[in-house]
Amino acid sequence: MPFIGSINAKLRAFFFTHVRLLAGRRCFIGCSGNFTIEQILTRVAPTAELHSNDVSLYSSVIGASLTQTPFPLRALTPEFRWLDEYLEEIPGPHTVATVILFLEMLKYEKRKNEYSKSMWESYASNWKTLHEKTLTRVKTALDFTKIASYTTSDVHDYYPCANAGDIAIGFLPTYVGGYEKLFKRLEESFSWPRPTYQMLTEERREATIQKMISTDYVLYDDRPRDLPCVARVDLFGHRTVYVYSSLSLGAGVFRKTLNEKVLTFDLLGIDEEISPSATISVKEIPEPYINHYRNMYLSKHVQPGSGGPCYLVFADKKLFGFLIFNAYSRMGKKGDLYMLSDFVVPSTRYTRLAKLLLMVTQCQDTKRILEERLLSRRQKIYTTAFTDKPVSMKYRGVYELAKRGKGFLNYATEFTSTTFEEVIGLWMKKYKQQ
């Protein structure tokens, strides 16, 4: 499916199973996004009458194509005028494919590093071939999506539905301005019939939901509500999401499972002492094996995404720490590395064992291991602490605060001159243990 969107595979499977109950009903779908619900209903409840609504350029081009409605679209700057030959007055698959592919290309527009420069040039030089491949997928998606109408109303004013018996369906944005930011450069690059609407603040979002539930409804949301819940999905590293509905859609609870394999190691005991002269060693391990320890020691609410390379950290052959990196993160500059997760075994003897692990990541020996593994120089490590607090006590004093955002803190460190041989002594000296 070439359209982009935020309804995960577990929920798509749930809707494929249950939305047959919507057959023969008029459905008013706000914030259509990538038309996921429309595609599903077209296949499993073809007698449903679908009315779609959204305000983004991305969705509006798809909506205009599905309804064969004129949608004047032209590139605004000379740099992108070559796109005009791929745009139609009444959008068809060619226009939709152009918008989708150009949106992907814009990810690399700033060309801050060699990777993004290379990707931008690759899109430009291979545009025709990439467009043909995207066009094939777009035609299939459009053929499997049928709607009766498409509008660009402010979603706050879109509900309630016109008649009794109609169904309100909504997957409202959960962050103010989130989709505006996602499509900002795309929408700045073209002249197009831009709709007028107000930002969906928390207050307007709640008011919109109250309008929805005044009739039959299906609501996708990321927060608990005192409404009939028909599905819930827990995903590692993401908020739990819910589907609420006045319809008898059945019920489902979905949890993402990790690909887990087990290799046993001698773990540092909960009250076991680390010798000041202990030898630090690091062992790379495939992700399924480190997943076993993620399940043991990490809450599902803080589970990181998939990554690699992954390492186990030992003190005198006693396993105490776990590291998961992402070699391809674009955070920071060229030569920087992102650490998805760092965690340690429980210890009653050492309240600051996590700081030893962080100090190990700074060592020249770790730098050498990572550079040999990744075949490139590495200068700095970034990581993220998800918290509303002003600082993370775990990282404070070892890593430096690089950025403070809503619900998260980014920390960074450069590699030090410390070696594995020195790090335990430095850790004990700096962080006096009880």
Protein backbone atom coordinates (compact mmCIF):
# COMPACT_ATOMS: atom_id res chain seq x y z
CA MET A 1 0.00 0.00 0.00
CA PRO A 2 1.69 3.26 -1.06
CA PHE A 3 -0.42 5.67 0.97
CA ILE A 4 1.06 6.68 4.33
CA GLY A 5 -0.83 6.64 7.61
CA SER A 6 -0.87 5.80 11.30
CA ILE A 7 -3.32 2.88 11.61
CA ASN A 8 -1.10 -0.07 12.44
CA ALA A 9 -1.35 -3.57 11.00
CA LYS A 10 -3.03 -5.02 14.10
CA LEU A 11 -5.89 -2.54 13.87
CA ARG A 12 -6.21 -2.98 10.12
CA ALA A 13 -6.67 -6.70 10.75
CA PHE A 14 -9.31 -5.93 13.40
CA PHE A 15 -11.28 -3.71 11.01
CA PHE A 16 -11.06 -6.26 8.20
CA THR A 17 -12.69 -8.76 10.55
CA HIS A 18 -15.42 -6.59 12.06
CA VAL A 19 -16.49 -3.71 9.78
CA ARG A 20 -18.90 -5.88 7.83
CA LEU A 21 -21.45 -4.48 10.32
CA LEU A 22 -21.15 -1.17 8.46
CA ALA A 23 -22.52 -2.67 5.23
CA GLY A 24 -25.41 -0.66 3.81
CA ARG A 25 -24.80 2.29 6.16
CA ARG A 26 -23.74 5.84 5.33
CA CYS A 27 -20.32 6.42 6.86
CA PHE A 28 -18.84 9.88 7.42
CA ILE A 29 -15.08 9.56 7.84
CA GLY A 30 -13.24 12.53 9.27
CA CYS A 31 -9.46 12.93 8.93
CA SER A 32 -9.34 10.31 6.18
CA GLY A 33 -5.56 10.56 6.00
CA ASN A 34 -4.40 7.72 3.78
CA PHE A 35 -7.94 6.31 3.32
CA THR A 36 -7.22 3.13 5.27
CA ILE A 37 -10.79 2.72 6.48
CA GLU A 38 -12.14 3.50 3.02
CA GLN A 39 -9.93 0.83 1.47
CA ILE A 40 -11.04 -1.76 4.03
CA LEU A 41 -14.75 -0.93 3.76
CA THR A 42 -14.59 -1.00 -0.04
CA ARG A 43 -13.41 -4.60 0.16
CA VAL A 44 -15.40 -6.10 3.03
CA ALA A 45 -18.54 -3.90 3.10
CA PRO A 46 -18.94 -2.71 -0.51
CA THR A 47 -22.55 -1.59 0.04
CA ALA A 48 -21.50 1.02 2.62
CA GLU A 49 -21.75 4.59 1.32
CA LEU A 50 -18.50 6.35 2.16
CA HIS A 51 -18.07 10.09 2.60
CA SER A 52 -14.51 11.21 3.26
CA ASN A 53 -13.05 14.42 4.66
CA ASP A 54 -9.57 15.87 5.23
CA VAL A 55 -7.69 19.13 4.79
CA SER A 56 -4.15 18.14 3.74
CA LEU A 57 -2.82 18.37 0.19
CA TYR A 58 -1.80 14.74 0.38
CA SER A 59 -5.30 13.48 1.21
CA SER A 60 -7.06 15.99 -1.04
CA VAL A 61 -5.19 14.84 -4.15
CA ILE A 62 -6.22 11.25 -3.41
CA GLY A 63 -9.80 12.35 -2.67
CA ALA A 64 -10.00 14.34 -5.91
CA SER A 65 -8.72 11.34 -7.85
CA LEU A 66 -11.27 9.01 -6.26
CA THR A 67 -14.15 11.39 -7.04
CA GLN A 68 -12.77 12.64 -10.38
CA THR A 69 -12.95 16.24 -9.21
CA PRO A 70 -10.78 19.05 -10.66
CA PHE A 71 -7.89 19.92 -8.38
CA PRO A 72 -5.56 22.58 -9.83
CA LEU A 73 -2.03 21.74 -8.71
CA ARG A 74 1.17 23.35 -9.94
CA ALA A 75 4.74 23.65 -8.63
CA LEU A 76 5.45 27.06 -7.11
CA THR A 77 9.22 27.36 -7.56
CA PRO A 78 11.34 27.04 -10.72
CA GLU A 79 13.36 24.28 -9.03
CA PHE A 80 10.33 21.98 -9.08
CA ARG A 81 8.57 23.08 -12.29
CA TRP A 82 9.59 19.82 -13.92
CA LEU A 83 6.94 18.15 -11.76
CA ASP A 84 4.15 19.91 -13.68
CA GLU A 85 4.33 17.45 -16.56
CA TYR A 86 3.25 14.72 -14.12
CA LEU A 87 0.23 16.68 -12.83
CA GLU A 88 -3.31 16.52 -14.26
CA GLU A 89 -6.18 19.00 -13.95
CA ILE A 90 -8.39 16.17 -12.72
CA PRO A 91 -5.97 14.11 -10.62
CA GLY A 92 -5.47 10.52 -11.62
CA PRO A 93 -2.91 7.92 -10.63
CA HIS A 94 -0.09 9.96 -12.23
CA THR A 95 -0.75 12.96 -9.98
CA VAL A 96 -1.21 10.85 -6.85
CA ALA A 97 2.03 8.96 -7.55
CA THR A 98 3.84 12.27 -8.06
CA VAL A 99 2.69 13.69 -4.73
CA ILE A 100 3.52 10.49 -2.83
CA LEU A 101 6.98 10.15 -4.37
CA PHE A 102 7.80 13.84 -3.99
CA LEU A 103 6.80 13.72 -0.32
CA GLU A 104 9.33 10.92 0.18
CA MET A 105 11.97 12.86 -1.73
CA LEU A 106 11.49 15.94 0.46
CA LYS A 107 12.79 14.02 3.48
CA TYR A 108 16.28 14.57 2.04
CA GLU A 109 15.82 18.11 0.73
CA LYS A 110 18.10 19.80 3.29
CA ARG A 111 21.03 17.59 2.26
CA LYS A 112 22.79 18.07 5.60
CA ASN A 113 25.06 15.05 5.23
CA GLU A 114 26.44 12.73 2.58
CA TYR A 115 23.63 10.25 3.03
CA SER A 116 20.84 12.79 2.47
CA LYS A 117 22.74 14.34 -0.47
CA SER A 118 23.08 10.93 -2.05
CA MET A 119 19.39 10.12 -1.51
CA TRP A 120 18.24 13.46 -2.95
CA GLU A 121 20.38 12.98 -6.05
CA SER A 122 19.18 9.40 -6.41
CA TYR A 123 15.52 10.49 -6.37
CA ALA A 124 16.22 13.24 -8.92
CA SER A 125 18.23 11.11 -11.34
CA ASN A 126 15.93 8.06 -11.08
CA TRP A 127 12.63 9.92 -10.87
CA LYS A 128 11.09 8.44 -14.00
CA THR A 129 11.78 4.85 -12.95
CA LEU A 130 10.67 5.46 -9.36
CA HIS A 131 7.51 7.19 -10.58
CA GLU A 132 6.60 4.23 -12.79
CA LYS A 133 7.00 1.82 -9.85
CA THR A 134 4.96 4.06 -7.55
CA LEU A 135 2.31 4.46 -10.26
CA THR A 136 1.76 0.70 -10.42
CA ARG A 137 1.09 0.50 -6.67
CA VAL A 138 -1.09 3.62 -6.69
CA LYS A 139 -3.34 2.26 -9.45
CA THR A 140 -3.97 -0.87 -7.40
CA ALA A 141 -4.77 1.12 -4.26
CA LEU A 142 -7.12 3.50 -6.09
CA ASP A 143 -8.94 0.62 -7.78
CA PHE A 144 -9.69 -0.87 -4.34
CA THR A 145 -10.99 2.39 -2.85
CA LYS A 146 -14.50 3.68 -3.63
CA ILE A 147 -16.04 6.77 -2.01
CA ALA A 148 -19.24 8.70 -2.68
CA SER A 149 -17.82 12.14 -1.85
CA TYR A 150 -14.77 13.99 -0.57
CA THR A 151 -14.84 17.32 1.28
CA THR A 152 -12.25 19.58 2.91
CA SER A 153 -14.31 20.81 5.86
CA ASP A 154 -12.86 21.64 9.26
CA VAL A 155 -13.34 18.30 11.05
CA HIS A 156 -14.76 20.17 14.07
CA ASP A 157 -17.66 21.23 11.83
CA TYR A 158 -17.91 17.94 9.92
CA TYR A 159 -19.90 16.08 12.57
CA PRO A 160 -22.59 15.16 13.55
CA CYS A 161 -23.86 13.13 10.60
CA ALA A 162 -26.77 14.35 8.56
CA ASN A 163 -29.37 11.64 9.32
CA ALA A 164 -30.22 9.12 12.00
CA GLY A 165 -28.58 5.82 11.21
CA ASP A 166 -25.42 7.38 9.80
CA ILE A 167 -22.06 6.44 11.30
CA ALA A 168 -19.36 8.89 12.36
CA ILE A 169 -15.85 7.51 11.95
CA GLY A 170 -12.86 9.48 13.18
CA PHE A 171 -9.13 9.06 13.61
CA LEU A 172 -8.40 12.53 14.90
CA PRO A 173 -4.79 13.81 15.18
CA THR A 174 -3.46 13.30 18.68
CA TYR A 175 -0.86 16.11 18.57
CA VAL A 176 -1.69 19.74 17.77
CA GLY A 177 -0.11 20.66 14.45
CA GLY A 178 1.37 17.19 13.91
CA TYR A 179 0.07 16.66 10.39
CA GLU A 180 0.69 20.29 9.45
CA LYS A 181 4.36 19.74 10.24
CA LEU A 182 4.44 16.45 8.34
CA PHE A 183 3.07 17.99 5.15
CA LYS A 184 4.49 21.51 5.52
CA ARG A 185 7.16 21.36 2.80
CA LEU A 186 4.89 19.48 0.43
CA GLU A 187 2.14 22.07 0.74
CA GLU A 188 4.60 24.97 0.42
CA SER A 189 5.90 23.55 -2.85
CA PHE A 190 2.62 23.77 -4.78
CA SER A 191 -0.21 26.14 -5.53
CA TRP A 192 -3.41 24.27 -4.66
CA PRO A 193 -6.96 24.97 -3.40
CA ARG A 194 -5.98 25.25 0.25
CA PRO A 195 -8.98 24.87 2.61
CA THR A 196 -9.66 27.11 5.60
CA TYR A 197 -9.77 25.49 9.02
CA GLN A 198 -8.73 26.05 12.62
CA MET A 199 -6.04 24.08 14.43
CA LEU A 200 -7.45 21.10 16.28
CA THR A 201 -6.53 22.11 19.82
CA GLU A 202 -7.22 19.82 22.76
CA GLU A 203 -10.48 21.68 23.47
CA ARG A 204 -11.68 21.54 19.85
CA ARG A 205 -10.65 17.90 19.62
CA GLU A 206 -12.77 17.00 22.66
CA ALA A 207 -15.69 19.00 21.30
CA THR A 208 -15.38 17.14 17.98
CA ILE A 209 -15.46 13.79 19.74
CA GLN A 210 -18.61 14.81 21.63
CA LYS A 211 -20.24 15.57 18.28
CA MET A 212 -19.13 12.19 16.93
CA ILE A 213 -20.59 10.17 19.76
CA SER A 214 -23.99 11.87 19.48
CA THR A 215 -24.72 9.28 16.78
CA ASP A 216 -23.37 5.81 15.97
CA TYR A 217 -19.60 6.08 15.89
CA VAL A 218 -16.22 4.40 15.54
CA LEU A 219 -13.45 6.37 17.27
CA TYR A 220 -9.71 5.63 17.20
CA ASP A 221 -7.84 7.29 20.09
CA ASP A 222 -4.69 7.04 22.22
CA ARG A 223 -6.21 7.69 25.62
CA PRO A 224 -8.57 5.82 27.97
CA ARG A 225 -12.19 7.01 27.82
CA ASP A 226 -15.44 6.11 29.49
CA LEU A 227 -16.81 4.76 26.20
CA PRO A 228 -17.43 1.20 24.94
CA CYS A 229 -13.97 -0.11 23.98
CA VAL A 230 -13.95 -2.73 21.22
CA ALA A 231 -10.19 -2.99 20.61
CA ARG A 232 -6.89 -2.10 22.26
CA VAL A 233 -3.39 -2.38 20.86
CA ASP A 234 -0.21 -2.27 22.96
CA LEU A 235 2.97 -1.69 20.96
CA PHE A 236 6.49 -1.42 22.35
CA GLY A 237 7.74 2.14 22.40
CA HIS A 238 4.31 3.56 21.53
CA ARG A 239 1.22 4.68 23.35
CA THR A 240 -1.58 2.18 23.78
CA VAL A 241 -4.31 2.89 21.23
CA TYR A 242 -8.00 2.16 21.52
CA VAL A 243 -11.04 1.77 19.27
CA TYR A 244 -14.31 2.92 20.83
CA SER A 245 -17.67 2.25 19.18
CA SER A 246 -21.39 2.20 19.81
CA LEU A 247 -21.59 -0.75 17.40
CA SER A 248 -21.15 -4.40 18.37
CA LEU A 249 -17.83 -4.81 16.59
CA GLY A 250 -16.59 -7.63 18.81
CA ALA A 251 -13.55 -7.11 21.00
CA GLY A 252 -9.83 -7.57 20.66
CA VAL A 253 -6.63 -6.96 22.61
CA PHE A 254 -3.41 -7.05 20.62
CA ARG A 255 0.13 -7.03 21.94
CA LYS A 256 3.24 -6.94 19.82
CA THR A 257 5.52 -9.85 20.62
CA LEU A 258 9.29 -9.75 20.30
CA ASN A 259 11.26 -12.19 18.21
CA GLU A 260 12.98 -13.82 21.16
CA LYS A 261 15.72 -16.41 21.43
CA VAL A 262 17.55 -17.52 24.55
CA LEU A 263 21.26 -17.84 25.30
CA THR A 264 22.11 -18.16 28.98
CA PHE A 265 24.89 -16.13 30.59
CA ASP A 266 26.14 -15.80 34.14
CA LEU A 267 24.32 -12.70 35.42
CA LEU A 268 25.64 -10.32 38.05
CA GLY A 269 23.79 -11.25 41.23
CA ILE A 270 21.38 -8.79 42.80
CA ASP A 271 23.71 -8.28 45.80
CA GLU A 272 26.95 -9.30 44.09
CA GLU A 273 30.02 -7.10 44.35
CA ILE A 274 32.09 -5.88 41.37
CA SER A 275 35.83 -5.92 42.02
CA PRO A 276 37.65 -2.61 41.40
CA SER A 277 40.04 -4.58 39.19
CA ALA A 278 37.28 -6.39 37.27
CA THR A 279 37.77 -6.75 33.52
CA ILE A 280 35.13 -5.12 31.31
CA SER A 281 34.25 -6.93 28.09
CA VAL A 282 31.64 -6.39 25.41
CA LYS A 283 30.02 -9.07 23.25
CA GLU A 284 27.91 -8.38 20.15
CA ILE A 285 24.76 -10.47 19.98
CA PRO A 286 21.88 -10.76 17.45
CA GLU A 287 18.79 -8.79 18.39
CA PRO A 288 16.51 -11.81 19.11
CA TYR A 289 18.86 -12.82 21.95
CA ILE A 290 18.93 -9.38 23.57
CA ASN A 291 15.12 -9.33 23.24
CA HIS A 292 15.02 -12.06 25.88
CA TYR A 293 16.53 -9.61 28.37
CA ARG A 294 14.32 -6.76 27.19
CA ASN A 295 11.33 -8.89 28.16
CA MET A 296 12.92 -9.62 31.53
CA TYR A 297 13.99 -6.11 32.55
CA LEU A 298 12.10 -3.48 30.53
CA SER A 299 8.50 -2.38 30.94
CA LYS A 300 6.41 -2.54 27.78
CA HIS A 301 5.93 1.20 28.15
CA VAL A 302 9.63 1.88 27.54
CA GLN A 303 10.43 -0.86 25.03
CA PRO A 304 12.59 0.54 22.19
CA GLY A 305 12.08 -0.24 18.54
CA SER A 306 14.18 -2.64 16.54
CA GLY A 307 17.80 -1.76 16.03
CA GLY A 308 21.37 -2.97 15.88
CA PRO A 309 24.12 -3.62 16.57
CA CYS A 310 23.35 -5.00 20.04
CA TYR A 311 25.85 -5.69 22.82
CA LEU A 312 26.09 -7.44 26.18
CA VAL A 313 28.46 -5.87 28.74
CA PHE A 314 30.30 -8.00 31.31
CA ALA A 315 32.38 -7.35 34.43
CA ASP A 316 34.66 -10.35 35.04
CA LYS A 317 32.37 -12.46 32.83
CA LYS A 318 29.29 -11.47 34.86
CA LEU A 319 26.65 -9.98 32.56
CA PHE A 320 25.29 -6.69 33.90
CA GLY A 321 24.46 -4.39 30.97
CA PHE A 322 22.68 -4.30 27.62
CA LEU A 323 23.09 -1.86 24.70
CA ILE A 324 21.01 -1.47 21.55
CA PHE A 325 22.18 0.99 18.91
CA ASN A 326 20.67 2.25 15.69
CA ALA A 327 23.44 2.71 13.15
CA TYR A 328 21.18 4.46 10.64
CA SER A 329 19.51 7.12 12.76
CA ARG A 330 19.72 10.62 11.27
CA MET A 331 19.84 12.29 14.69
CA GLY A 332 22.89 14.51 15.06
CA LYS A 333 25.54 14.93 12.38
CA LYS A 334 27.55 12.61 10.21
CA GLY A 335 29.58 10.34 12.44
CA ASP A 336 27.07 10.39 15.30
CA LEU A 337 25.35 7.28 16.59
CA TYR A 338 21.95 6.77 18.23
CA MET A 339 21.53 4.49 21.26
CA LEU A 340 18.03 3.06 21.30
CA SER A 341 18.30 1.50 24.72
CA ASP A 342 20.66 0.91 27.64
CA PHE A 343 19.63 -1.06 30.69
CA VAL A 344 21.19 -3.10 33.48
CA VAL A 345 20.33 -6.04 35.70
CA PRO A 346 18.70 -5.24 39.07
CA SER A 347 21.18 -4.59 41.90
CA THR A 348 20.63 -3.84 45.57
CA ARG A 349 24.35 -3.29 46.12
CA TYR A 350 24.82 -0.66 43.39
CA THR A 351 22.14 2.01 43.01
CA ARG A 352 24.08 3.63 40.15
CA LEU A 353 24.99 0.59 38.11
CA ALA A 354 23.36 2.24 35.07
CA LYS A 355 26.00 4.97 35.18
CA LEU A 356 28.76 2.35 34.86
CA LEU A 357 27.12 1.12 31.66
CA LEU A 358 26.91 4.67 30.32
CA MET A 359 30.58 5.26 31.14
CA VAL A 360 31.43 2.06 29.26
CA THR A 361 29.70 3.48 26.17
CA GLN A 362 32.06 6.48 26.32
CA CYS A 363 35.25 4.40 26.34
CA GLN A 364 37.78 4.39 23.51
CA ASP A 365 37.45 0.59 23.45
CA THR A 366 33.71 0.93 22.74
CA LYS A 367 34.47 3.49 20.03
CA ARG A 368 36.89 1.08 18.37
CA ILE A 369 34.38 -1.82 18.55
CA LEU A 370 31.61 0.29 17.00
CA GLU A 371 33.83 1.72 14.27
CA GLU A 372 35.12 -1.71 13.28
CA ARG A 373 31.56 -3.06 13.23
CA LEU A 374 30.09 -0.14 11.25
CA LEU A 375 33.12 0.52 9.04
CA SER A 376 32.96 4.25 9.71
CA ARG A 377 34.25 6.83 12.19
CA ARG A 378 31.98 7.67 15.10
CA GLN A 379 32.24 10.85 17.18
CA LYS A 380 29.20 11.12 19.42
CA ILE A 381 26.34 9.05 20.87
CA TYR A 382 22.78 10.38 21.19
CA THR A 383 19.94 8.84 23.16
CA THR A 384 16.47 9.78 24.43
CA ALA A 385 14.89 9.68 27.88
CA PHE A 386 11.09 9.75 27.72
CA THR A 387 10.07 11.84 30.71
CA ASP A 388 8.25 15.03 31.66
CA LYS A 389 10.87 15.82 34.31
CA PRO A 390 13.44 18.58 33.70
CA VAL A 391 16.38 16.12 33.86
CA SER A 392 17.01 12.38 33.77
CA MET A 393 18.88 11.28 36.88
CA LYS A 394 20.13 8.26 34.97
CA TYR A 395 22.01 10.31 32.35
CA ARG A 396 22.82 13.39 34.42
CA GLY A 397 26.52 13.75 35.11
CA VAL A 398 27.56 11.28 32.40
CA TYR A 399 25.79 12.46 29.24
CA GLU A 400 24.96 16.10 28.44
CA LEU A 401 21.44 17.37 27.85
CA ALA A 402 21.18 18.17 24.13
CA LYS A 403 17.49 18.98 23.72
CA ARG A 404 14.38 19.27 25.86
CA GLY A 405 11.03 18.51 24.24
CA LYS A 406 7.49 17.72 25.27
CA GLY A 407 7.69 14.37 27.04
CA PHE A 408 11.31 13.67 26.16
CA LEU A 409 14.93 14.69 26.75
CA ASN A 410 17.73 14.09 24.25
CA TYR A 411 21.14 13.39 25.74
CA ALA A 412 24.52 13.17 24.00
CA THR A 413 28.13 12.32 24.77
CA GLU A 414 31.43 12.34 22.96
CA PHE A 415 33.81 9.43 23.39
CA THR A 416 36.38 9.94 26.15
CA SER A 417 39.96 8.71 26.46
CA THR A 418 38.88 6.20 29.13
CA THR A 419 39.62 2.50 28.55
CA PHE A 420 37.81 -0.60 29.77
CA GLU A 421 40.69 -1.15 32.19
CA GLU A 422 40.14 2.25 33.84
CA VAL A 423 36.37 2.65 33.76
CA ILE A 424 35.37 0.70 36.90
CA GLY A 425 37.82 2.59 39.08
CA LEU A 426 36.61 5.92 37.73
CA TRP A 427 32.98 4.88 38.23
CA MET A 428 33.62 3.87 41.86
CA LYS A 429 35.49 7.07 42.57
CA LYS A 430 32.88 9.36 41.04
CA TYR A 431 29.73 7.53 42.12
CA LYS A 432 30.41 6.30 45.65
CA GLN A 433 28.55 3.08 46.20
CA GLN A 434 26.59 2.19 49.31
